[in-house]
């Protein structure tokens, strides 16, 4: 898949039946042909951030995640909303990746999305995540976000997205991400 936009997708949930992880599997299925989406599965192995540990040398799991972020053309974050913010496990991973030297988030393109049970989905989590990413030099896709509310009615028991309007919106969003990432890649 040469010339493809390489996307690293990270779920902010560790739960086995996570709808945010299920959303990323849907993203893989709906992605344009010229977009390769890899879902990161190692979040559970990232240790709690400790600058003493970092100064002694990054843990191998963090080195691997930093390399994956560096190699990606774009990032997709899908996080549940906890206490009106994104998950602590995702914040921990971002804290590790963002440390010097050469923090790999700088200049990356990203999409922020989430699934939640309430009417506005993960609006506040997305907002906070956008704030964090902006300070790291990440270009978050402008425009409408993927905020999937009322999740119980949009996913089936097998964690498949069943809502046609949401699928169409998500496909349009992924095309916009691909175009944005391609434009940024050409500008390098």
C-alpha atoms as a PDB file:
ATOM      1  CA  UNK A   1       0.000   0.000   0.000  1.00  0.00           C
ATOM      2  CA  UNK A   2       2.638   2.519  -1.065  1.00  0.00           C
ATOM      3  CA  UNK A   3       1.584   6.148  -0.859  1.00  0.00           C
ATOM      4  CA  UNK A   4      -1.073   5.215   1.657  1.00  0.00           C
ATOM      5  CA  UNK A   5      -1.821   7.402   4.632  1.00  0.00           C
ATOM      6  CA  UNK A   6      -0.668   5.443   7.699  1.00  0.00           C
ATOM      7  CA  UNK A   7      -2.935   6.003  10.672  1.00  0.00           C
ATOM      8  CA  UNK A   8      -2.251   4.959  14.239  1.00  0.00           C
ATOM      9  CA  UNK A   9      -5.528   4.586  16.150  1.00  0.00           C
ATOM     10  CA  UNK A  10      -5.530   4.567  19.949  1.00  0.00           C
ATOM     11  CA  UNK A  11      -8.471   3.737  22.183  1.00  0.00           C
ATOM     12  CA  UNK A  12      -8.534   5.368  25.589  1.00  0.00           C
ATOM     13  CA  UNK A  13     -10.333   2.352  27.053  1.00  0.00           C
ATOM     14  CA  UNK A  14      -8.873  -0.890  28.354  1.00  0.00           C
ATOM     15  CA  UNK A  15     -12.262  -2.593  28.780  1.00  0.00           C
ATOM     16  CA  UNK A  16     -12.676  -5.745  26.722  1.00  0.00           C
ATOM     17  CA  UNK A  17     -16.146  -4.716  25.524  1.00  0.00           C
ATOM     18  CA  UNK A  18     -15.181  -1.106  24.871  1.00  0.00           C
ATOM     19  CA  UNK A  19     -17.343   0.753  22.369  1.00  0.00           C
ATOM     20  CA  UNK A  20     -14.476   3.186  21.786  1.00  0.00           C
ATOM     21  CA  UNK A  21     -12.266   0.292  20.679  1.00  0.00           C
ATOM     22  CA  UNK A  22     -15.194  -1.066  18.640  1.00  0.00           C
ATOM     23  CA  UNK A  23     -15.424   2.346  16.972  1.00  0.00           C
ATOM     24  CA  UNK A  24     -11.786   2.034  15.891  1.00  0.00           C
ATOM     25  CA  UNK A  25     -12.523  -1.377  14.352  1.00  0.00           C
ATOM     26  CA  UNK A  26     -15.353   0.306  12.444  1.00  0.00           C
ATOM     27  CA  UNK A  27     -12.876   2.991  11.356  1.00  0.00           C
ATOM     28  CA  UNK A  28     -10.666   0.235   9.896  1.00  0.00           C
ATOM     29  CA  UNK A  29     -13.601  -1.093   7.892  1.00  0.00           C
ATOM     30  CA  UNK A  30     -14.793   2.315   6.645  1.00  0.00           C
ATOM     31  CA  UNK A  31     -11.369   3.798   5.905  1.00  0.00           C
ATOM     32  CA  UNK A  32     -10.711   4.835   2.308  1.00  0.00           C
ATOM     33  CA  UNK A  33      -8.646   2.384   0.251  1.00  0.00           C
ATOM     34  CA  UNK A  34      -5.588   4.651   0.465  1.00  0.00           C
ATOM     35  CA  UNK A  35      -5.688   4.751   4.270  1.00  0.00           C
ATOM     36  CA  UNK A  36      -4.100   2.047   6.419  1.00  0.00           C
ATOM     37  CA  UNK A  37      -5.412   2.073  10.005  1.00  0.00           C
ATOM     38  CA  UNK A  38      -3.486   0.195  12.691  1.00  0.00           C
ATOM     39  CA  UNK A  39      -5.039  -0.045  16.156  1.00  0.00           C
ATOM     40  CA  UNK A  40      -2.540   0.223  18.993  1.00  0.00           C
ATOM     41  CA  UNK A  41      -3.102  -2.576  21.516  1.00  0.00           C
ATOM     42  CA  UNK A  42      -0.356  -1.916  24.076  1.00  0.00           C
ATOM     43  CA  UNK A  43      -1.874   0.809  26.225  1.00  0.00           C
ATOM     44  CA  UNK A  44      -2.240  -1.564  29.186  1.00  0.00           C
ATOM     45  CA  UNK A  45       1.553  -2.130  29.242  1.00  0.00           C
ATOM     46  CA  UNK A  46       2.478   1.555  29.465  1.00  0.00           C
ATOM     47  CA  UNK A  47       3.640   2.196  33.064  1.00  0.00           C
ATOM     48  CA  UNK A  48       2.491   5.226  35.065  1.00  0.00           C
ATOM     49  CA  UNK A  49       4.475   8.276  34.001  1.00  0.00           C
ATOM     50  CA  UNK A  50       7.545   8.828  36.188  1.00  0.00           C
ATOM     51  CA  UNK A  51      10.159  11.360  35.112  1.00  0.00           C
ATOM     52  CA  UNK A  52      12.852   9.565  37.137  1.00  0.00           C
ATOM     53  CA  UNK A  53      12.212   6.467  35.018  1.00  0.00           C
ATOM     54  CA  UNK A  54      12.252   8.546  31.815  1.00  0.00           C
ATOM     55  CA  UNK A  55      15.573  10.140  32.739  1.00  0.00           C
ATOM     56  CA  UNK A  56      17.039   6.665  33.347  1.00  0.00           C
ATOM     57  CA  UNK A  57      15.770   5.530  29.942  1.00  0.00           C
ATOM     58  CA  UNK A  58      12.382   5.108  28.334  1.00  0.00           C
ATOM     59  CA  UNK A  59      10.690   1.743  29.024  1.00  0.00           C
ATOM     60  CA  UNK A  60      10.589  -0.517  25.940  1.00  0.00           C
ATOM     61  CA  UNK A  61       6.793  -0.180  25.633  1.00  0.00           C
ATOM     62  CA  UNK A  62       7.107   3.597  25.518  1.00  0.00           C
ATOM     63  CA  UNK A  63       9.942   3.440  22.962  1.00  0.00           C
ATOM     64  CA  UNK A  64       7.678   1.301  20.775  1.00  0.00           C
ATOM     65  CA  UNK A  65       4.700   3.672  21.073  1.00  0.00           C
ATOM     66  CA  UNK A  66       6.867   6.723  20.368  1.00  0.00           C
ATOM     67  CA  UNK A  67       8.153   5.008  17.204  1.00  0.00           C
ATOM     68  CA  UNK A  68       4.610   4.160  16.093  1.00  0.00           C
ATOM     69  CA  UNK A  69       3.522   7.781  16.576  1.00  0.00           C
ATOM     70  CA  UNK A  70       6.613   9.014  14.723  1.00  0.00           C
ATOM     71  CA  UNK A  71       5.967   6.653  11.781  1.00  0.00           C
ATOM     72  CA  UNK A  72       2.269   7.506  11.444  1.00  0.00           C
ATOM     73  CA  UNK A  73       0.991  10.126   9.027  1.00  0.00           C
ATOM     74  CA  UNK A  74      -2.100  10.657  11.157  1.00  0.00           C
ATOM     75  CA  UNK A  75      -3.502   9.675  14.538  1.00  0.00           C
ATOM     76  CA  UNK A  76      -7.012   8.801  15.672  1.00  0.00           C
ATOM     77  CA  UNK A  77      -7.908   8.941  19.345  1.00  0.00           C
ATOM     78  CA  UNK A  78     -11.164   7.445  20.612  1.00  0.00           C
ATOM     79  CA  UNK A  79     -11.784   7.878  24.313  1.00  0.00           C
ATOM     80  CA  UNK A  80     -14.633   7.445  26.743  1.00  0.00           C
ATOM     81  CA  UNK A  81     -15.531  10.426  28.883  1.00  0.00           C
ATOM     82  CA  UNK A  82     -14.737  10.110  32.583  1.00  0.00           C
ATOM     83  CA  UNK A  83     -15.548  13.007  34.905  1.00  0.00           C
ATOM     84  CA  UNK A  84     -15.937  15.341  31.917  1.00  0.00           C
ATOM     85  CA  UNK A  85     -12.516  14.562  30.467  1.00  0.00           C
ATOM     86  CA  UNK A  86     -10.753  11.851  28.486  1.00  0.00           C
ATOM     87  CA  UNK A  87      -9.392   8.738  30.168  1.00  0.00           C
ATOM     88  CA  UNK A  88      -6.403   8.830  32.496  1.00  0.00           C
ATOM     89  CA  UNK A  89      -4.811   5.840  30.761  1.00  0.00           C
ATOM     90  CA  UNK A  90      -4.767   7.805  27.480  1.00  0.00           C
ATOM     91  CA  UNK A  91      -3.413  10.916  29.213  1.00  0.00           C
ATOM     92  CA  UNK A  92      -0.644   8.790  30.734  1.00  0.00           C
ATOM     93  CA  UNK A  93       0.384   7.470  27.302  1.00  0.00           C
ATOM     94  CA  UNK A  94       0.323  10.978  25.812  1.00  0.00           C
ATOM     95  CA  UNK A  95       2.478  12.245  28.695  1.00  0.00           C
ATOM     96  CA  UNK A  96       5.085   9.535  28.011  1.00  0.00           C
ATOM     97  CA  UNK A  97       5.145  10.093  24.243  1.00  0.00           C
ATOM     98  CA  UNK A  98       5.304  13.882  24.540  1.00  0.00           C
ATOM     99  CA  UNK A  99       8.542  14.043  26.532  1.00  0.00           C
ATOM    100  CA  UNK A 100      11.884  15.064  25.006  1.00  0.00           C
ATOM    101  CA  UNK A 101      13.945  14.489  23.087  1.00  0.00           C
ATOM    102  CA  UNK A 102      12.199  14.922  19.754  1.00  0.00           C
ATOM    103  CA  UNK A 103       8.626  14.435  20.912  1.00  0.00           C
ATOM    104  CA  UNK A 104       6.918  12.745  17.948  1.00  0.00           C
ATOM    105  CA  UNK A 105       3.512  14.458  18.156  1.00  0.00           C
ATOM    106  CA  UNK A 106       4.842  17.706  16.675  1.00  0.00           C
ATOM    107  CA  UNK A 107       3.238  18.376  13.277  1.00  0.00           C
ATOM    108  CA  UNK A 108       1.031  15.262  13.265  1.00  0.00           C
ATOM    109  CA  UNK A 109      -2.547  15.305  12.008  1.00  0.00           C
ATOM    110  CA  UNK A 110      -5.201  13.812  14.276  1.00  0.00           C
ATOM    111  CA  UNK A 111      -8.865  13.055  14.648  1.00  0.00           C
ATOM    112  CA  UNK A 112     -10.542  13.008  18.034  1.00  0.00           C
ATOM    113  CA  UNK A 113     -13.651  10.873  18.526  1.00  0.00           C
ATOM    114  CA  UNK A 114     -15.581   9.042  21.159  1.00  0.00           C
ATOM    115  CA  UNK A 115     -18.608   6.977  22.098  1.00  0.00           C
ATOM    116  CA  UNK A 116     -20.718   7.519  25.190  1.00  0.00           C
ATOM    117  CA  UNK A 117     -24.117   6.679  26.615  1.00  0.00           C
ATOM    118  CA  UNK A 118     -25.374  10.268  26.988  1.00  0.00           C
ATOM    119  CA  UNK A 119     -26.920  12.580  24.418  1.00  0.00           C
ATOM    120  CA  UNK A 120     -23.727  14.518  23.672  1.00  0.00           C
ATOM    121  CA  UNK A 121     -21.446  11.492  23.614  1.00  0.00           C
ATOM    122  CA  UNK A 122     -17.940  12.491  24.607  1.00  0.00           C
ATOM    123  CA  UNK A 123     -18.058  16.213  23.812  1.00  0.00           C
ATOM    124  CA  UNK A 124     -16.167  17.364  26.900  1.00  0.00           C
ATOM    125  CA  UNK A 125     -13.574  14.582  26.668  1.00  0.00           C
ATOM    126  CA  UNK A 126     -12.975  15.509  23.030  1.00  0.00           C
ATOM    127  CA  UNK A 127     -12.627  19.169  23.953  1.00  0.00           C
ATOM    128  CA  UNK A 128      -9.999  18.422  26.616  1.00  0.00           C
ATOM    129  CA  UNK A 129      -8.127  16.058  24.329  1.00  0.00           C
ATOM    130  CA  UNK A 130      -8.041  18.733  21.618  1.00  0.00           C
ATOM    131  CA  UNK A 131      -6.543  21.163  24.161  1.00  0.00           C
ATOM    132  CA  UNK A 132      -3.792  18.727  25.126  1.00  0.00           C
ATOM    133  CA  UNK A 133      -2.991  17.823  21.523  1.00  0.00           C
ATOM    134  CA  UNK A 134      -2.821  21.464  20.423  1.00  0.00           C
ATOM    135  CA  UNK A 135      -0.112  22.288  22.967  1.00  0.00           C
ATOM    136  CA  UNK A 136       1.901  19.372  21.537  1.00  0.00           C
ATOM    137  CA  UNK A 137       1.774  20.782  18.006  1.00  0.00           C
ATOM    138  CA  UNK A 138      -0.821  18.311  16.699  1.00  0.00           C
ATOM    139  CA  UNK A 139      -3.119  19.556  13.928  1.00  0.00           C
ATOM    140  CA  UNK A 140      -6.551  18.261  14.933  1.00  0.00           C
ATOM    141  CA  UNK A 141      -8.920  17.866  11.990  1.00  0.00           C
ATOM    142  CA  UNK A 142     -11.107  20.969  11.945  1.00  0.00           C
ATOM    143  CA  UNK A 143     -14.854  20.795  11.592  1.00  0.00           C
ATOM    144  CA  UNK A 144     -17.432  18.402  12.930  1.00  0.00           C
ATOM    145  CA  UNK A 145     -16.190  15.868  15.441  1.00  0.00           C
ATOM    146  CA  UNK A 146     -17.228  12.267  15.864  1.00  0.00           C
ATOM    147  CA  UNK A 147     -19.324  12.382  19.035  1.00  0.00           C
ATOM    148  CA  UNK A 148     -21.447   9.270  19.224  1.00  0.00           C
ATOM    149  CA  UNK A 149     -24.100   9.634  21.893  1.00  0.00           C
ATOM    150  CA  UNK A 150     -26.796   7.144  22.791  1.00  0.00           C
ATOM    151  CA  UNK A 151     -24.311   4.354  22.156  1.00  0.00           C
ATOM    152  CA  UNK A 152     -26.580   1.523  23.309  1.00  0.00           C
ATOM    153  CA  UNK A 153     -28.892   2.160  20.358  1.00  0.00           C
ATOM    154  CA  UNK A 154     -26.078   2.433  17.790  1.00  0.00           C
ATOM    155  CA  UNK A 155     -24.020  -0.699  18.487  1.00  0.00           C
ATOM    156  CA  UNK A 156     -25.236  -4.285  18.609  1.00  0.00           C
ATOM    157  CA  UNK A 157     -24.303  -7.046  21.068  1.00  0.00           C
ATOM    158  CA  UNK A 158     -21.286  -7.964  18.896  1.00  0.00           C
ATOM    159  CA  UNK A 159     -20.014  -4.345  19.162  1.00  0.00           C
ATOM    160  CA  UNK A 160     -20.788  -3.575  15.517  1.00  0.00           C
ATOM    161  CA  UNK A 161     -21.922  -0.070  14.604  1.00  0.00           C
ATOM    162  CA  UNK A 162     -25.457  -0.495  13.262  1.00  0.00           C
ATOM    163  CA  UNK A 163     -26.579   3.119  12.859  1.00  0.00           C
ATOM    164  CA  UNK A 164     -26.458   3.958   9.140  1.00  0.00           C
ATOM    165  CA  UNK A 165     -26.340   7.752   9.596  1.00  0.00           C
ATOM    166  CA  UNK A 166     -23.431   7.437  12.019  1.00  0.00           C
ATOM    167  CA  UNK A 167     -21.593   5.131   9.571  1.00  0.00           C
ATOM    168  CA  UNK A 168     -22.060   7.645   6.744  1.00  0.00           C
ATOM    169  CA  UNK A 169     -20.853  10.505   8.932  1.00  0.00           C
ATOM    170  CA  UNK A 170     -17.837   8.481  10.035  1.00  0.00           C
ATOM    171  CA  UNK A 171     -16.924   7.585   6.431  1.00  0.00           C
ATOM    172  CA  UNK A 172     -17.124  11.270   5.439  1.00  0.00           C
ATOM    173  CA  UNK A 173     -14.985  12.189   8.431  1.00  0.00           C
ATOM    174  CA  UNK A 174     -12.337   9.623   7.446  1.00  0.00           C
ATOM    175  CA  UNK A 175     -12.190  11.004   3.898  1.00  0.00           C
ATOM    176  CA  UNK A 176     -11.652  14.477   5.352  1.00  0.00           C
ATOM    177  CA  UNK A 177      -8.883  13.136   7.605  1.00  0.00           C
ATOM    178  CA  UNK A 178      -7.229  11.436   4.627  1.00  0.00           C
ATOM    179  CA  UNK A 179      -7.301  14.651   2.578  1.00  0.00           C
ATOM    180  CA  UNK A 180      -5.989  16.712   5.491  1.00  0.00           C
ATOM    181  CA  UNK A 181      -3.180  14.222   6.211  1.00  0.00           C
ATOM    182  CA  UNK A 182      -2.265  14.021   2.497  1.00  0.00           C
ATOM    183  CA  UNK A 183      -2.095  17.806   2.271  1.00  0.00           C
ATOM    184  CA  UNK A 184       0.096  18.036   5.370  1.00  0.00           C
ATOM    185  CA  UNK A 185       2.322  15.203   4.111  1.00  0.00           C
ATOM    186  CA  UNK A 186       2.861  16.990   0.792  1.00  0.00           C
ATOM    187  CA  UNK A 187       3.748  20.202   2.607  1.00  0.00           C
ATOM    188  CA  UNK A 188       6.656  18.543   4.445  1.00  0.00           C
END
